[in-house]
C-alpha atoms as a PDB file:
ATOM      1  CA  UNK A   1     174.144-185.001  27.401  1.00  0.00           C
ATOM      2  CA  UNK A   2     174.534-187.953  29.744  1.00  0.00           C
ATOM      3  CA  UNK A   3     178.229-188.527  29.017  1.00  0.00           C
ATOM      4  CA  UNK A   4     179.762-185.057  29.352  1.00  0.00           C
ATOM      5  CA  UNK A   5     178.760-184.235  32.958  1.00  0.00           C
ATOM      6  CA  UNK A   6     180.470-187.422  34.167  1.00  0.00           C
ATOM      7  CA  UNK A   7     183.780-186.828  32.369  1.00  0.00           C
ATOM      8  CA  UNK A   8     186.695-186.266  34.715  1.00  0.00           C
ATOM      9  CA  UNK A   9     190.285-187.203  35.351  1.00  0.00           C
ATOM     10  CA  UNK A  10     192.448-188.599  32.557  1.00  0.00           C
ATOM     11  CA  UNK A  11     189.499-189.233  30.239  1.00  0.00           C
ATOM     12  CA  UNK A  12     188.459-185.578  30.449  1.00  0.00           C
ATOM     13  CA  UNK A  13     192.048-184.501  29.741  1.00  0.00           C
ATOM     14  CA  UNK A  14     192.177-186.782  26.675  1.00  0.00           C
ATOM     15  CA  UNK A  15     188.937-185.283  25.365  1.00  0.00           C
ATOM     16  CA  UNK A  16     190.201-181.737  26.000  1.00  0.00           C
ATOM     17  CA  UNK A  17     193.450-182.447  24.145  1.00  0.00           C
ATOM     18  CA  UNK A  18     191.960-184.237  21.155  1.00  0.00           C
ATOM     19  CA  UNK A  19     188.499-182.836  20.575  1.00  0.00           C
ATOM     20  CA  UNK A  20     186.909-179.828  18.949  1.00  0.00           C
ATOM     21  CA  UNK A  21     183.180-180.070  18.347  1.00  0.00           C
ATOM     22  CA  UNK A  22     181.019-177.922  16.117  1.00  0.00           C
ATOM     23  CA  UNK A  23     177.380-177.880  17.184  1.00  0.00           C
ATOM     24  CA  UNK A  24     175.188-176.798  14.272  1.00  0.00           C
ATOM     25  CA  UNK A  25     171.471-176.199  14.483  1.00  0.00           C
ATOM     26  CA  UNK A  26     168.904-174.325  12.420  1.00  0.00           C
ATOM     27  CA  UNK A  27     166.161-172.294  14.018  1.00  0.00           C
ATOM     28  CA  UNK A  28     163.375-172.994  11.553  1.00  0.00           C
ATOM     29  CA  UNK A  29     160.662-175.573  11.100  1.00  0.00           C
ATOM     30  CA  UNK A  30     160.943-178.835  13.107  1.00  0.00           C
ATOM     31  CA  UNK A  31     163.706-177.597  15.394  1.00  0.00           C
ATOM     32  CA  UNK A  32     161.530-177.722  18.510  1.00  0.00           C
ATOM     33  CA  UNK A  33     163.776-178.664  21.411  1.00  0.00           C
ATOM     34  CA  UNK A  34     166.909-178.954  19.277  1.00  0.00           C
ATOM     35  CA  UNK A  35     167.990-175.367  19.844  1.00  0.00           C
ATOM     36  CA  UNK A  36     167.643-175.728  23.604  1.00  0.00           C
ATOM     37  CA  UNK A  37     169.503-179.048  23.642  1.00  0.00           C
ATOM     38  CA  UNK A  38     172.269-177.569  21.495  1.00  0.00           C
ATOM     39  CA  UNK A  39     172.641-174.724  23.989  1.00  0.00           C
ATOM     40  CA  UNK A  40     172.637-177.130  26.947  1.00  0.00           C
ATOM     41  CA  UNK A  41     175.356-179.252  25.330  1.00  0.00           C
ATOM     42  CA  UNK A  42     177.418-176.142  24.550  1.00  0.00           C
ATOM     43  CA  UNK A  43     177.089-175.085  28.198  1.00  0.00           C
ATOM     44  CA  UNK A  44     178.177-178.531  29.427  1.00  0.00           C
ATOM     45  CA  UNK A  45     181.175-178.564  27.087  1.00  0.00           C
ATOM     46  CA  UNK A  46     182.144-175.078  28.237  1.00  0.00           C
ATOM     47  CA  UNK A  47     181.857-176.083  31.893  1.00  0.00           C
ATOM     48  CA  UNK A  48     184.263-178.966  31.220  1.00  0.00           C
ATOM     49  CA  UNK A  49     186.675-176.861  29.167  1.00  0.00           C
ATOM     50  CA  UNK A  50     186.093-178.906  25.999  1.00  0.00           C
ATOM     51  CA  UNK A  51     186.806-177.017  22.782  1.00  0.00           C
ATOM     52  CA  UNK A  52     183.648-176.363  20.800  1.00  0.00           C
ATOM     53  CA  UNK A  53     181.695-173.807  18.859  1.00  0.00           C
ATOM     54  CA  UNK A  54     177.960-173.371  18.510  1.00  0.00           C
ATOM     55  CA  UNK A  55     176.624-172.297  15.129  1.00  0.00           C
ATOM     56  CA  UNK A  56     172.911-171.465  15.046  1.00  0.00           C
ATOM     57  CA  UNK A  57     171.567-170.899  11.536  1.00  0.00           C
ATOM     58  CA  UNK A  58     168.586-168.699  10.675  1.00  0.00           C
ATOM     59  CA  UNK A  59     164.865-169.066  11.171  1.00  0.00           C
ATOM     60  CA  UNK A  60     164.519-170.063   7.505  1.00  0.00           C
ATOM     61  CA  UNK A  61     166.692-173.163   8.065  1.00  0.00           C
ATOM     62  CA  UNK A  62     164.609-176.322   8.430  1.00  0.00           C
ATOM     63  CA  UNK A  63     165.570-179.733   9.766  1.00  0.00           C
ATOM     64  CA  UNK A  64     166.051-181.314   6.339  1.00  0.00           C
ATOM     65  CA  UNK A  65     168.794-182.809   4.166  1.00  0.00           C
ATOM     66  CA  UNK A  66     169.344-179.817   1.839  1.00  0.00           C
ATOM     67  CA  UNK A  67     170.178-177.613   4.828  1.00  0.00           C
ATOM     68  CA  UNK A  68     172.340-180.275   6.483  1.00  0.00           C
ATOM     69  CA  UNK A  69     174.333-180.502   3.249  1.00  0.00           C
ATOM     70  CA  UNK A  70     174.844-176.716   3.172  1.00  0.00           C
ATOM     71  CA  UNK A  71     175.933-176.732   6.806  1.00  0.00           C
ATOM     72  CA  UNK A  72     178.355-179.610   6.243  1.00  0.00           C
ATOM     73  CA  UNK A  73     179.913-177.952   3.198  1.00  0.00           C
ATOM     74  CA  UNK A  74     180.249-174.658   5.072  1.00  0.00           C
ATOM     75  CA  UNK A  75     182.060-176.233   8.019  1.00  0.00           C
ATOM     76  CA  UNK A  76     184.187-178.682   6.006  1.00  0.00           C
ATOM     77  CA  UNK A  77     185.415-175.819   3.827  1.00  0.00           C
ATOM     78  CA  UNK A  78     186.359-173.853   6.948  1.00  0.00           C
ATOM     79  CA  UNK A  79     188.276-176.769   8.429  1.00  0.00           C
ATOM     80  CA  UNK A  80     190.041-177.687   5.209  1.00  0.00           C
ATOM     81  CA  UNK A  81     191.055-174.052   4.569  1.00  0.00           C
ATOM     82  CA  UNK A  82     193.197-174.009   7.730  1.00  0.00           C
END
């Protein structure tokens, strides 16, 4: 959040060329503030033209390891299938 707004020039171009971020967040228990920060980061990345996608999971998804594992598997399978 502190780094992205200050990106410019050649460093910004390097990030644009070599970066794609996937922002993943649940909407369930213990996600207070995380959803809003995920949205703010997605907005900052969009403003800078940095490739990204935001993936908000359901209200039943809590901030715990079993869900993080499911999210990781989901996104790794997508990337590896390309």
